[in-house]
Amino acid sequence: TLPLMADVVIRPAFPAGELERLRKERLTALLQARDDPAALIQIAFPRLVFGPSHRYGTPAGGTAAELKGLTLDDLRAFHRAYYRPENATLIVAGDVTAATAMPLLETAFGSWKGPADAVKIANVPEAPQLTARKIYLIDKPGAAQSQIRIGWVGVPRSTPDYATLEVLNTILGGAFTSRLNQNLREKNGYSYGARSVFDTRLSNGL
């Protein structure tokens, strides 16, 4: 399987038919999201916190206009720029030794060379913090359940408080047994589920 894996990583074919198939799947998923409150709020909440022009305010899966405009040349250019050995980590797990695995890995991936130019990491500016309380309603008549989000701009992954926040959030709402879920769901039956999260990224996340 390693030669097949190397082909996928190093020499992708990008067949036009597959691009069209995946494009239709993504566009269909966007249409389906309009009928799913959980999917709707995943798109709307970051947009309301970060704004429509910030990178984190736009869905990672793209908008309909972006999906329709994506070309094979765009895919090839993205692969050329970011799929490169200095960006990659190859992990082997199982009943295997390094002495056995390394020659196979060298044969499959040893010729992999990246472009000479440096990797360009996109700058993600820090989003301005929200300064006033706002309430937004997205009306979906006939929805079986409602979704509620409360939040604002948080911290980046590089914050020195990352480990502390992970522990704090696990206690508050980061697991099924956390205080939020135990109180709102298990004890009082107010909600099907409740949780909290720090979405840490390169820049300040939710």
N, C-alpha and C. Protein backbone atom coordinates (compact mmCIF):
# COMPACT_ATOMS: atom_id res chain seq x y z
N THR A 1 0.81 -1.23 0.00
CA THR A 1 0.00 0.00 0.00
C THR A 1 0.84 1.27 0.00
N LEU A 2 2.11 1.19 0.43
CA LEU A 2 2.91 2.41 0.50
C LEU A 2 3.10 3.09 -0.86
N PRO A 3 3.37 2.33 -1.96
CA PRO A 3 3.46 3.00 -3.26
C PRO A 3 2.17 3.72 -3.65
N LEU A 4 1.02 3.14 -3.32
CA LEU A 4 -0.26 3.80 -3.60
C LEU A 4 -0.39 5.08 -2.77
N MET A 5 -0.02 4.98 -1.50
CA MET A 5 -0.09 6.15 -0.62
C MET A 5 0.82 7.26 -1.12
N ALA A 6 2.03 6.87 -1.56
CA ALA A 6 2.98 7.87 -2.08
C ALA A 6 2.44 8.53 -3.34
N ASP A 7 1.79 7.75 -4.19
CA ASP A 7 1.19 8.32 -5.40
C ASP A 7 0.15 9.38 -5.05
N VAL A 8 -0.68 9.06 -4.07
CA VAL A 8 -1.73 9.99 -3.66
C VAL A 8 -1.12 11.30 -3.14
N VAL A 9 -0.06 11.16 -2.34
CA VAL A 9 0.55 12.34 -1.71
C VAL A 9 1.40 13.15 -2.69
N ILE A 10 2.23 12.44 -3.47
CA ILE A 10 3.24 13.12 -4.28
C ILE A 10 2.77 13.39 -5.71
N ARG A 11 1.99 12.48 -6.28
CA ARG A 11 1.59 12.59 -7.68
C ARG A 11 0.08 12.49 -7.85
N PRO A 12 -0.68 13.36 -7.22
CA PRO A 12 -2.14 13.29 -7.37
C PRO A 12 -2.57 13.62 -8.79
N ALA A 13 -3.62 12.94 -9.25
CA ALA A 13 -4.06 13.12 -10.64
C ALA A 13 -5.06 14.26 -10.79
N PHE A 14 -5.86 14.54 -9.76
CA PHE A 14 -6.91 15.55 -9.82
C PHE A 14 -7.81 15.37 -11.05
N PRO A 15 -8.48 14.23 -11.20
CA PRO A 15 -9.36 14.04 -12.36
C PRO A 15 -10.55 15.00 -12.32
N ALA A 16 -10.88 15.55 -13.47
CA ALA A 16 -11.95 16.56 -13.55
C ALA A 16 -13.28 16.01 -13.07
N GLY A 17 -13.56 14.75 -13.38
CA GLY A 17 -14.83 14.16 -12.96
C GLY A 17 -14.99 14.10 -11.46
N GLU A 18 -13.87 13.83 -10.76
CA GLU A 18 -13.92 13.76 -9.30
C GLU A 18 -14.14 15.14 -8.68
N LEU A 19 -13.53 16.17 -9.28
CA LEU A 19 -13.77 17.53 -8.80
C LEU A 19 -15.25 17.87 -8.91
N GLU A 20 -15.85 17.54 -10.05
CA GLU A 20 -17.26 17.86 -10.25
C GLU A 20 -18.14 17.07 -9.27
N ARG A 21 -17.78 15.81 -9.02
CA ARG A 21 -18.56 15.00 -8.09
C ARG A 21 -18.52 15.60 -6.68
N LEU A 22 -17.32 15.96 -6.24
CA LEU A 22 -17.18 16.53 -4.91
C LEU A 22 -17.80 17.92 -4.81
N ARG A 23 -17.73 18.68 -5.91
CA ARG A 23 -18.35 20.01 -5.93
C ARG A 23 -19.87 19.87 -5.70
N LYS A 24 -20.48 18.93 -6.43
CA LYS A 24 -21.93 18.72 -6.28
C LYS A 24 -22.29 18.26 -4.87
N GLU A 25 -21.43 17.39 -4.29
CA GLU A 25 -21.68 16.93 -2.92
C GLU A 25 -21.65 18.09 -1.94
N ARG A 26 -20.66 18.97 -2.07
CA ARG A 26 -20.54 20.11 -1.15
C ARG A 26 -21.70 21.09 -1.34
N LEU A 27 -22.08 21.35 -2.58
CA LEU A 27 -23.20 22.26 -2.83
C LEU A 27 -24.50 21.68 -2.28
N THR A 28 -24.67 20.37 -2.42
CA THR A 28 -25.85 19.71 -1.86
C THR A 28 -25.84 19.80 -0.34
N ALA A 29 -24.67 19.63 0.27
CA ALA A 29 -24.56 19.72 1.72
C ALA A 29 -24.93 21.11 2.22
N LEU A 30 -24.57 22.15 1.46
CA LEU A 30 -24.94 23.51 1.83
C LEU A 30 -26.46 23.69 1.79
N LEU A 31 -27.10 23.10 0.79
CA LEU A 31 -28.56 23.17 0.71
C LEU A 31 -29.20 22.42 1.88
N GLN A 32 -28.66 21.25 2.20
CA GLN A 32 -29.20 20.46 3.30
C GLN A 32 -29.04 21.18 4.64
N ALA A 33 -27.96 21.96 4.76
CA ALA A 33 -27.70 22.68 6.02
C ALA A 33 -28.81 23.67 6.34
N ARG A 34 -29.50 24.17 5.32
CA ARG A 34 -30.58 25.12 5.55
C ARG A 34 -31.73 24.52 6.35
N ASP A 35 -31.84 23.19 6.34
CA ASP A 35 -32.91 22.51 7.07
C ASP A 35 -32.44 21.91 8.38
N ASP A 36 -31.19 22.18 8.77
CA ASP A 36 -30.62 21.59 9.97
C ASP A 36 -30.14 22.70 10.90
N PRO A 37 -30.86 22.96 12.02
CA PRO A 37 -30.44 24.04 12.92
C PRO A 37 -29.00 23.90 13.41
N ALA A 38 -28.54 22.66 13.67
CA ALA A 38 -27.16 22.47 14.14
C ALA A 38 -26.15 22.89 13.08
N ALA A 39 -26.45 22.59 11.81
CA ALA A 39 -25.55 22.99 10.73
C ALA A 39 -25.63 24.50 10.49
N LEU A 40 -26.82 25.05 10.58
CA LEU A 40 -27.00 26.49 10.36
C LEU A 40 -26.20 27.31 11.37
N ILE A 41 -26.27 26.89 12.63
CA ILE A 41 -25.61 27.69 13.67
C ILE A 41 -24.09 27.56 13.59
N GLN A 42 -23.60 26.42 13.06
CA GLN A 42 -22.16 26.25 12.87
C GLN A 42 -21.62 27.25 11.86
N ILE A 43 -22.46 27.65 10.92
CA ILE A 43 -22.07 28.65 9.92
C ILE A 43 -22.30 30.06 10.44
N ALA A 44 -23.44 30.26 11.11
CA ALA A 44 -23.84 31.61 11.51
C ALA A 44 -23.04 32.14 12.69
N PHE A 45 -22.79 31.30 13.70
CA PHE A 45 -22.16 31.80 14.93
C PHE A 45 -20.77 32.40 14.70
N PRO A 46 -19.84 31.72 14.02
CA PRO A 46 -18.55 32.36 13.77
C PRO A 46 -18.67 33.65 12.96
N ARG A 47 -19.61 33.68 12.04
CA ARG A 47 -19.80 34.89 11.22
C ARG A 47 -20.24 36.06 12.08
N LEU A 48 -21.10 35.80 13.07
CA LEU A 48 -21.57 36.87 13.94
C LEU A 48 -20.49 37.33 14.91
N VAL A 49 -19.61 36.41 15.35
CA VAL A 49 -18.56 36.77 16.28
C VAL A 49 -17.40 37.47 15.57
N PHE A 50 -16.96 36.93 14.44
CA PHE A 50 -15.77 37.44 13.77
C PHE A 50 -16.09 38.44 12.65
N GLY A 51 -17.30 38.42 12.14
CA GLY A 51 -17.65 39.29 11.03
C GLY A 51 -17.44 38.59 9.69
N PRO A 52 -18.14 39.03 8.65
CA PRO A 52 -18.10 38.34 7.35
C PRO A 52 -16.78 38.47 6.61
N SER A 53 -15.92 39.43 6.98
CA SER A 53 -14.67 39.62 6.24
C SER A 53 -13.48 38.94 6.90
N HIS A 54 -13.62 38.46 8.13
CA HIS A 54 -12.52 37.77 8.81
C HIS A 54 -12.48 36.31 8.38
N ARG A 55 -11.26 35.74 8.30
CA ARG A 55 -11.12 34.36 7.84
C ARG A 55 -11.93 33.39 8.70
N TYR A 56 -11.96 33.61 10.01
CA TYR A 56 -12.67 32.69 10.90
C TYR A 56 -14.19 32.91 10.86
N GLY A 57 -14.62 33.95 10.19
CA GLY A 57 -16.05 34.20 10.05
C GLY A 57 -16.66 33.53 8.83
N THR A 58 -15.83 32.90 8.03
CA THR A 58 -16.32 32.21 6.83
C THR A 58 -16.19 30.71 7.02
N PRO A 59 -17.13 29.91 6.53
CA PRO A 59 -17.07 28.46 6.76
C PRO A 59 -15.87 27.83 6.08
N ALA A 60 -15.24 26.88 6.78
CA ALA A 60 -14.05 26.21 6.25
C ALA A 60 -14.38 25.45 4.97
N GLY A 61 -15.62 24.97 4.86
CA GLY A 61 -16.02 24.22 3.67
C GLY A 61 -16.35 25.10 2.48
N GLY A 62 -16.26 26.41 2.64
CA GLY A 62 -16.52 27.32 1.52
C GLY A 62 -17.98 27.69 1.37
N THR A 63 -18.21 28.73 0.60
CA THR A 63 -19.56 29.16 0.25
C THR A 63 -19.92 28.61 -1.12
N ALA A 64 -21.18 28.74 -1.50
CA ALA A 64 -21.61 28.24 -2.81
C ALA A 64 -20.82 28.91 -3.94
N ALA A 65 -20.60 30.22 -3.83
CA ALA A 65 -19.87 30.94 -4.88
C ALA A 65 -18.43 30.44 -4.99
N GLU A 66 -17.79 30.20 -3.84
CA GLU A 66 -16.40 29.73 -3.85
C GLU A 66 -16.32 28.31 -4.42
N LEU A 67 -17.26 27.47 -4.04
CA LEU A 67 -17.26 26.09 -4.54
C LEU A 67 -17.47 26.04 -6.05
N LYS A 68 -18.37 26.89 -6.54
CA LYS A 68 -18.63 26.92 -7.97
C LYS A 68 -17.44 27.45 -8.75
N GLY A 69 -16.63 28.30 -8.12
CA GLY A 69 -15.49 28.90 -8.83
C GLY A 69 -14.20 28.12 -8.74
N LEU A 70 -14.16 27.06 -7.92
CA LEU A 70 -12.93 26.28 -7.72
C LEU A 70 -12.55 25.52 -8.99
N THR A 71 -11.29 25.60 -9.40
CA THR A 71 -10.82 24.96 -10.63
C THR A 71 -9.75 23.93 -10.32
N LEU A 72 -9.44 23.09 -11.31
CA LEU A 72 -8.35 22.13 -11.17
C LEU A 72 -7.01 22.83 -10.96
N ASP A 73 -6.83 23.97 -11.63
CA ASP A 73 -5.59 24.73 -11.44
C ASP A 73 -5.46 25.23 -10.00
N ASP A 74 -6.59 25.59 -9.38
CA ASP A 74 -6.55 26.00 -7.97
C ASP A 74 -6.08 24.85 -7.09
N LEU A 75 -6.59 23.65 -7.36
CA LEU A 75 -6.19 22.48 -6.57
C LEU A 75 -4.71 22.18 -6.75
N ARG A 76 -4.26 22.22 -8.00
CA ARG A 76 -2.85 21.92 -8.27
C ARG A 76 -1.93 22.94 -7.60
N ALA A 77 -2.32 24.20 -7.64
CA ALA A 77 -1.50 25.25 -7.04
C ALA A 77 -1.45 25.10 -5.52
N PHE A 78 -2.59 24.74 -4.92
CA PHE A 78 -2.62 24.54 -3.47
C PHE A 78 -1.74 23.35 -3.08
N HIS A 79 -1.84 22.27 -3.84
CA HIS A 79 -1.02 21.09 -3.55
C HIS A 79 0.46 21.41 -3.67
N ARG A 80 0.81 22.14 -4.73
CA ARG A 80 2.21 22.49 -4.97
C ARG A 80 2.75 23.34 -3.81
N ALA A 81 1.92 24.23 -3.29
CA ALA A 81 2.38 25.17 -2.26
C ALA A 81 2.47 24.54 -0.87
N TYR A 82 1.54 23.63 -0.54
CA TYR A 82 1.43 23.19 0.85
C TYR A 82 1.68 21.71 1.10
N TYR A 83 1.52 20.86 0.08
CA TYR A 83 1.79 19.43 0.27
C TYR A 83 3.26 19.19 -0.04
N ARG A 84 4.10 19.31 0.96
CA ARG A 84 5.54 19.24 0.77
C ARG A 84 6.16 18.54 1.99
N PRO A 85 7.32 17.91 1.80
CA PRO A 85 7.87 17.07 2.87
C PRO A 85 8.16 17.81 4.16
N GLU A 86 8.58 19.08 4.07
CA GLU A 86 8.88 19.79 5.32
C GLU A 86 7.62 20.12 6.12
N ASN A 87 6.45 19.96 5.50
CA ASN A 87 5.19 20.17 6.21
C ASN A 87 4.60 18.86 6.74
N ALA A 88 5.23 17.74 6.42
CA ALA A 88 4.59 16.44 6.65
C ALA A 88 5.25 15.68 7.79
N THR A 89 4.45 14.89 8.47
CA THR A 89 4.92 13.93 9.46
C THR A 89 4.31 12.58 9.11
N LEU A 90 5.15 11.57 8.94
CA LEU A 90 4.68 10.23 8.60
C LEU A 90 4.75 9.35 9.84
N ILE A 91 3.61 8.83 10.25
CA ILE A 91 3.52 8.02 11.47
C ILE A 91 3.20 6.59 11.11
N VAL A 92 3.99 5.66 11.64
CA VAL A 92 3.77 4.23 11.41
C VAL A 92 3.47 3.59 12.76
N ALA A 93 2.35 2.87 12.84
CA ALA A 93 1.97 2.21 14.09
C ALA A 93 1.59 0.77 13.80
N GLY A 94 1.92 -0.12 14.71
CA GLY A 94 1.52 -1.52 14.54
C GLY A 94 2.65 -2.48 14.85
N ASP A 95 2.50 -3.71 14.41
CA ASP A 95 3.47 -4.76 14.67
C ASP A 95 4.60 -4.65 13.64
N VAL A 96 5.44 -3.64 13.81
CA VAL A 96 6.49 -3.35 12.84
C VAL A 96 7.66 -2.68 13.56
N THR A 97 8.87 -2.90 13.07
CA THR A 97 10.05 -2.26 13.65
C THR A 97 10.56 -1.18 12.71
N ALA A 98 11.34 -0.27 13.27
CA ALA A 98 11.94 0.78 12.45
C ALA A 98 12.85 0.19 11.38
N ALA A 99 13.57 -0.85 11.73
CA ALA A 99 14.50 -1.47 10.78
C ALA A 99 13.76 -2.04 9.57
N THR A 100 12.54 -2.51 9.79
CA THR A 100 11.74 -3.05 8.70
C THR A 100 11.05 -1.94 7.91
N ALA A 101 10.55 -0.95 8.64
CA ALA A 101 9.73 0.08 8.01
C ALA A 101 10.54 1.10 7.22
N MET A 102 11.70 1.52 7.74
CA MET A 102 12.44 2.62 7.14
C MET A 102 12.82 2.38 5.68
N PRO A 103 13.35 1.20 5.30
CA PRO A 103 13.68 1.01 3.88
C PRO A 103 12.45 1.13 2.97
N LEU A 104 11.29 0.65 3.44
CA LEU A 104 10.07 0.75 2.64
C LEU A 104 9.64 2.21 2.51
N LEU A 105 9.76 2.96 3.59
CA LEU A 105 9.39 4.37 3.56
C LEU A 105 10.33 5.17 2.67
N GLU A 106 11.61 4.84 2.74
CA GLU A 106 12.59 5.53 1.88
C GLU A 106 12.31 5.26 0.41
N THR A 107 11.96 4.03 0.08
CA THR A 107 11.65 3.69 -1.31
C THR A 107 10.42 4.44 -1.80
N ALA A 108 9.40 4.53 -0.95
CA ALA A 108 8.14 5.15 -1.35
C ALA A 108 8.21 6.67 -1.34
N PHE A 109 8.87 7.25 -0.32
CA PHE A 109 8.82 8.70 -0.12
C PHE A 109 10.17 9.40 -0.23
N GLY A 110 11.25 8.63 -0.40
CA GLY A 110 12.58 9.22 -0.39
C GLY A 110 12.83 10.24 -1.48
N SER A 111 12.14 10.11 -2.62
CA SER A 111 12.36 11.05 -3.73
C SER A 111 11.48 12.30 -3.63
N TRP A 112 10.67 12.39 -2.60
CA TRP A 112 9.75 13.50 -2.47
C TRP A 112 10.51 14.78 -2.17
N LYS A 113 10.42 15.73 -3.07
CA LYS A 113 11.08 17.02 -2.90
C LYS A 113 10.05 18.15 -3.03
N GLY A 114 10.18 19.11 -2.16
CA GLY A 114 9.27 20.25 -2.21
C GLY A 114 9.82 21.35 -3.09
N PRO A 115 8.99 22.35 -3.42
CA PRO A 115 9.47 23.49 -4.20
C PRO A 115 10.56 24.26 -3.45
N ALA A 116 11.35 24.98 -4.18
CA ALA A 116 12.46 25.71 -3.57
C ALA A 116 11.97 26.90 -2.74
N ASP A 117 10.84 27.48 -3.12
CA ASP A 117 10.36 28.66 -2.40
C ASP A 117 9.83 28.26 -1.03
N ALA A 118 9.89 29.21 -0.10
CA ALA A 118 9.46 28.96 1.27
C ALA A 118 7.93 28.83 1.35
N VAL A 119 7.48 28.11 2.36
CA VAL A 119 6.03 27.98 2.58
C VAL A 119 5.47 29.32 3.02
N LYS A 120 4.39 29.72 2.39
CA LYS A 120 3.74 30.98 2.75
C LYS A 120 2.58 30.69 3.71
N ILE A 121 2.75 31.12 4.95
CA ILE A 121 1.70 30.94 5.95
C ILE A 121 0.84 32.20 5.97
N ALA A 122 -0.44 32.03 5.70
CA ALA A 122 -1.34 33.18 5.65
C ALA A 122 -1.44 33.84 7.02
N ASN A 123 -1.35 35.15 7.03
CA ASN A 123 -1.50 35.90 8.27
C ASN A 123 -2.98 36.01 8.63
N VAL A 124 -3.33 35.61 9.83
CA VAL A 124 -4.71 35.74 10.30
C VAL A 124 -4.74 36.81 11.38
N PRO A 125 -5.27 37.98 11.08
CA PRO A 125 -5.26 39.06 12.07
C PRO A 125 -6.14 38.73 13.26
N GLU A 126 -5.79 39.31 14.40
CA GLU A 126 -6.60 39.12 15.60
C GLU A 126 -7.92 39.87 15.44
N ALA A 127 -9.02 39.18 15.64
CA ALA A 127 -10.34 39.79 15.48
C ALA A 127 -10.63 40.72 16.65
N PRO A 128 -11.31 41.83 16.40
CA PRO A 128 -11.67 42.71 17.51
C PRO A 128 -12.67 42.03 18.44
N GLN A 129 -12.52 42.27 19.72
CA GLN A 129 -13.42 41.68 20.70
C GLN A 129 -14.80 42.33 20.62
N LEU A 130 -15.83 41.55 20.86
CA LEU A 130 -17.18 42.09 20.93
C LEU A 130 -17.29 43.00 22.16
N THR A 131 -17.99 44.11 22.01
CA THR A 131 -18.06 45.10 23.10
C THR A 131 -19.46 45.33 23.62
N ALA A 132 -20.47 44.73 22.98
CA ALA A 132 -21.84 44.93 23.44
C ALA A 132 -22.62 43.64 23.27
N ARG A 133 -23.57 43.43 24.14
CA ARG A 133 -24.41 42.24 24.06
C ARG A 133 -25.36 42.36 22.87
N LYS A 134 -25.42 41.29 22.07
CA LYS A 134 -26.34 41.26 20.94
C LYS A 134 -27.04 39.91 20.92
N ILE A 135 -28.29 39.92 20.49
CA ILE A 135 -29.06 38.68 20.37
C ILE A 135 -29.53 38.54 18.93
N TYR A 136 -29.25 37.39 18.32
CA TYR A 136 -29.65 37.11 16.95
C TYR A 136 -30.57 35.89 16.95
N LEU A 137 -31.62 35.95 16.17
CA LEU A 137 -32.54 34.83 16.01
C LEU A 137 -32.52 34.36 14.56
N ILE A 138 -32.37 33.07 14.35
CA ILE A 138 -32.50 32.48 13.02
C ILE A 138 -33.74 31.60 13.06
N ASP A 139 -34.80 32.07 12.46
CA ASP A 139 -36.09 31.38 12.53
C ASP A 139 -36.13 30.22 11.55
N LYS A 140 -36.37 29.03 12.06
CA LYS A 140 -36.51 27.84 11.22
C LYS A 140 -37.82 27.14 11.60
N PRO A 141 -38.92 27.54 10.97
CA PRO A 141 -40.23 26.97 11.33
C PRO A 141 -40.23 25.44 11.19
N GLY A 142 -40.81 24.78 12.18
CA GLY A 142 -40.93 23.33 12.13
C GLY A 142 -39.72 22.58 12.63
N ALA A 143 -38.68 23.28 13.07
CA ALA A 143 -37.48 22.60 13.56
C ALA A 143 -37.80 21.81 14.81
N ALA A 144 -37.31 20.56 14.88
CA ALA A 144 -37.59 19.70 16.03
C ALA A 144 -36.84 20.15 17.28
N GLN A 145 -35.69 20.77 17.10
CA GLN A 145 -34.89 21.24 18.22
C GLN A 145 -34.34 22.63 17.93
N SER A 146 -33.98 23.32 19.00
CA SER A 146 -33.34 24.63 18.88
C SER A 146 -31.88 24.52 19.29
N GLN A 147 -31.07 25.40 18.74
CA GLN A 147 -29.66 25.49 19.07
C GLN A 147 -29.38 26.88 19.64
N ILE A 148 -28.59 26.94 20.70
CA ILE A 148 -28.24 28.22 21.32
C ILE A 148 -26.72 28.29 21.44
N ARG A 149 -26.14 29.41 21.04
CA ARG A 149 -24.70 29.64 21.21
C ARG A 149 -24.51 30.96 21.95
N ILE A 150 -23.59 30.96 22.90
CA ILE A 150 -23.22 32.17 23.62
C ILE A 150 -21.69 32.25 23.59
N GLY A 151 -21.12 33.36 23.17
CA GLY A 151 -19.67 33.41 23.16
C GLY A 151 -19.11 34.68 22.57
N TRP A 152 -17.80 34.72 22.50
CA TRP A 152 -17.08 35.85 21.91
C TRP A 152 -15.69 35.40 21.50
N VAL A 153 -14.82 36.34 21.16
CA VAL A 153 -13.47 36.02 20.71
C VAL A 153 -12.64 35.54 21.89
N GLY A 154 -11.96 34.39 21.71
CA GLY A 154 -11.20 33.79 22.80
C GLY A 154 -9.71 33.99 22.66
N VAL A 155 -8.96 32.88 22.72
CA VAL A 155 -7.49 32.94 22.74
C VAL A 155 -6.91 32.08 21.62
N PRO A 156 -5.67 32.33 21.23
CA PRO A 156 -5.02 31.48 20.23
C PRO A 156 -4.47 30.21 20.87
N ARG A 157 -4.08 29.25 20.03
CA ARG A 157 -3.50 28.00 20.54
C ARG A 157 -2.19 28.27 21.27
N SER A 158 -1.51 29.34 20.92
CA SER A 158 -0.20 29.64 21.52
C SER A 158 -0.30 30.27 22.91
N THR A 159 -1.49 30.48 23.43
CA THR A 159 -1.61 31.11 24.74
C THR A 159 -0.89 30.28 25.81
N PRO A 160 -0.15 30.91 26.71
CA PRO A 160 0.52 30.15 27.77
C PRO A 160 -0.46 29.47 28.73
N ASP A 161 -1.73 29.88 28.68
CA ASP A 161 -2.75 29.29 29.55
C ASP A 161 -3.46 28.10 28.91
N TYR A 162 -2.93 27.59 27.79
CA TYR A 162 -3.64 26.54 27.05
C TYR A 162 -3.98 25.33 27.94
N ALA A 163 -2.99 24.78 28.63
CA ALA A 163 -3.22 23.58 29.45
C ALA A 163 -4.21 23.88 30.58
N THR A 164 -4.07 25.04 31.20
CA THR A 164 -4.98 25.43 32.27
C THR A 164 -6.41 25.53 31.76
N LEU A 165 -6.57 26.15 30.59
CA LEU A 165 -7.91 26.30 30.01
C LEU A 165 -8.52 24.95 29.63
N GLU A 166 -7.69 24.01 29.18
CA GLU A 166 -8.19 22.67 28.85
C GLU A 166 -8.76 21.99 30.09
N VAL A 167 -8.06 22.11 31.22
CA VAL A 167 -8.55 21.52 32.47
C VAL A 167 -9.81 22.23 32.92
N LEU A 168 -9.78 23.57 32.92
CA LEU A 168 -10.94 24.35 33.33
C LEU A 168 -12.16 24.00 32.49
N ASN A 169 -11.97 23.92 31.17
CA ASN A 169 -13.10 23.67 30.28
C ASN A 169 -13.64 22.25 30.42
N THR A 170 -12.76 21.30 30.71
CA THR A 170 -13.23 19.93 30.93
C THR A 170 -14.15 19.87 32.15
N ILE A 171 -13.82 20.62 33.18
CA ILE A 171 -14.66 20.66 34.38
C ILE A 171 -15.98 21.37 34.07
N LEU A 172 -15.90 22.48 33.35
CA LEU A 172 -17.10 23.28 33.09
C LEU A 172 -18.04 22.62 32.09
N GLY A 173 -17.52 22.27 30.90
CA GLY A 173 -18.44 21.76 29.88
C GLY A 173 -17.78 21.00 28.75
N GLY A 174 -16.57 20.53 28.94
CA GLY A 174 -15.84 19.87 27.86
C GLY A 174 -16.07 18.38 27.75
N ALA A 175 -16.88 17.80 28.63
CA ALA A 175 -17.14 16.36 28.59
C ALA A 175 -18.58 16.11 29.02
N PHE A 176 -19.06 14.89 28.76
CA PHE A 176 -20.45 14.56 29.12
C PHE A 176 -20.68 14.70 30.62
N THR A 177 -19.65 14.40 31.42
CA THR A 177 -19.79 14.46 32.87
C THR A 177 -19.48 15.83 33.45
N SER A 178 -19.28 16.84 32.61
CA SER A 178 -18.96 18.18 33.08
C SER A 178 -20.17 18.84 33.73
N ARG A 179 -19.92 19.92 34.44
CA ARG A 179 -20.95 20.56 35.26
C ARG A 179 -22.14 21.06 34.43
N LEU A 180 -21.87 21.67 33.28
CA LEU A 180 -22.98 22.19 32.47
C LEU A 180 -23.94 21.09 32.07
N ASN A 181 -23.43 20.01 31.53
CA ASN A 181 -24.29 18.93 31.05
C ASN A 181 -24.97 18.20 32.20
N GLN A 182 -24.25 18.00 33.28
CA GLN A 182 -24.85 17.33 34.43
C GLN A 182 -26.00 18.14 35.02
N ASN A 183 -25.86 19.45 35.04
CA ASN A 183 -26.90 20.31 35.59
C ASN A 183 -28.07 20.46 34.62
N LEU A 184 -27.79 20.91 33.40
CA LEU A 184 -28.86 21.26 32.48
C LEU A 184 -29.56 20.05 31.87
N ARG A 185 -28.81 18.96 31.65
CA ARG A 185 -29.42 17.76 31.06
C ARG A 185 -29.81 16.72 32.11
N GLU A 186 -28.80 16.25 32.86
CA GLU A 186 -29.04 15.12 33.74
C GLU A 186 -29.91 15.47 34.95
N LYS A 187 -29.64 16.60 35.58
CA LYS A 187 -30.37 16.96 36.79
C LYS A 187 -31.73 17.58 36.49
N ASN A 188 -31.76 18.54 35.55
CA ASN A 188 -32.99 19.31 35.34
C ASN A 188 -33.74 18.97 34.06
N GLY A 189 -33.09 18.29 33.11
CA GLY A 189 -33.79 17.94 31.88
C GLY A 189 -34.17 19.12 31.01
N TYR A 190 -33.42 20.22 31.11
CA TYR A 190 -33.73 21.41 30.32
C TYR A 190 -33.29 21.27 28.86
N SER A 191 -32.27 20.43 28.63
CA SER A 191 -31.62 20.40 27.33
C SER A 191 -31.19 18.98 26.99
N TYR A 192 -31.14 18.69 25.69
CA TYR A 192 -30.61 17.41 25.25
C TYR A 192 -29.11 17.32 25.53
N GLY A 193 -28.45 18.47 25.54
CA GLY A 193 -27.02 18.49 25.81
C GLY A 193 -26.51 19.91 25.93
N ALA A 194 -25.46 20.10 26.74
CA ALA A 194 -24.85 21.42 26.91
C ALA A 194 -23.35 21.25 27.06
N ARG A 195 -22.59 22.11 26.42
CA ARG A 195 -21.14 21.99 26.51
C ARG A 195 -20.48 23.34 26.34
N SER A 196 -19.19 23.40 26.64
CA SER A 196 -18.40 24.61 26.43
C SER A 196 -17.12 24.23 25.70
N VAL A 197 -16.52 25.21 25.04
CA VAL A 197 -15.32 24.90 24.24
C VAL A 197 -14.47 26.16 24.04
N PHE A 198 -13.16 25.97 24.02
CA PHE A 198 -12.23 26.98 23.53
C PHE A 198 -11.74 26.49 22.17
N ASP A 199 -12.12 27.17 21.11
CA ASP A 199 -11.69 26.78 19.77
C ASP A 199 -10.40 27.54 19.45
N THR A 200 -9.27 26.99 19.90
CA THR A 200 -8.00 27.69 19.73
C THR A 200 -7.41 27.43 18.36
N ARG A 201 -6.91 28.48 17.72
CA ARG A 201 -6.36 28.40 16.37
C ARG A 201 -5.07 29.22 16.29
N LEU A 202 -4.60 29.45 15.05
CA LEU A 202 -3.41 30.25 14.85
C LEU A 202 -3.59 31.65 15.46
N SER A 203 -4.77 32.24 15.22
CA SER A 203 -5.14 33.50 15.84
C SER A 203 -6.22 33.21 16.88
N ASN A 204 -6.74 34.25 17.50
CA ASN A 204 -7.73 34.07 18.55
C ASN A 204 -9.00 33.41 18.00
N GLY A 205 -9.38 32.27 18.58
CA GLY A 205 -10.57 31.54 18.12
C GLY A 205 -11.78 31.87 18.96
N LEU A 206 -12.83 31.05 18.81
CA LEU A 206 -14.06 31.26 19.57
C LEU A 206 -13.87 30.81 21.01
